[in-house]
Amino acid sequence: NQKDISGRIITIEYDPNRNAYICLIHYGDGEKRYILHP
């Protein structure tokens, strides 16, 4: 869980399986993770 760590959005992509946009976040500690785009 990356609740209080700042991150930067790297990409925004459309996911047809979810019918939603997802984004790749690069957190300050070096971890990368996909989340649903807010």
Protein backbone atom coordinates (compact mmCIF):
# COMPACT_ATOMS: atom_id res chain seq x y z
CA ASN A 1 0.00 0.00 0.00
CA GLN A 2 1.48 3.35 -1.09
CA LYS A 3 -0.90 5.64 0.78
CA ASP A 4 1.43 8.41 1.98
CA ILE A 5 4.21 8.18 -0.63
CA SER A 6 4.24 10.73 -3.44
CA GLY A 7 4.27 9.45 -7.00
CA ARG A 8 4.24 10.61 -10.59
CA ILE A 9 1.91 9.44 -13.37
CA ILE A 10 4.03 7.93 -16.15
CA THR A 11 1.32 6.78 -18.59
CA ILE A 12 -2.47 6.85 -18.96
CA GLU A 13 -3.88 3.93 -20.94
CA TYR A 14 -7.33 2.63 -21.84
CA ASP A 15 -8.09 -0.86 -20.54
CA PRO A 16 -10.86 -2.42 -22.68
CA ASN A 17 -11.30 -5.31 -20.21
CA ARG A 18 -12.36 -2.85 -17.50
CA ASN A 19 -13.90 -0.20 -19.78
CA ALA A 20 -11.82 2.31 -17.84
CA TYR A 21 -8.55 4.21 -17.94
CA ILE A 22 -5.58 3.01 -15.90
CA CYS A 23 -2.35 4.84 -15.15
CA LEU A 24 1.16 3.74 -14.31
CA ILE A 25 2.46 5.44 -11.16
CA HIS A 26 6.18 5.71 -10.34
CA TYR A 27 6.48 6.20 -6.59
CA GLY A 28 9.30 8.03 -4.81
CA ASP A 29 10.67 4.76 -3.38
CA GLY A 30 11.21 3.37 -6.91
CA GLU A 31 8.17 1.10 -7.11
CA LYS A 32 5.88 1.19 -10.17
CA ARG A 33 2.23 0.19 -10.03
CA TYR A 34 -0.93 0.41 -12.14
CA ILE A 35 -4.04 2.01 -10.61
CA LEU A 36 -7.43 3.05 -11.94
CA HIS A 37 -7.18 6.59 -13.25
CA PRO A 38 -8.99 8.94 -10.84
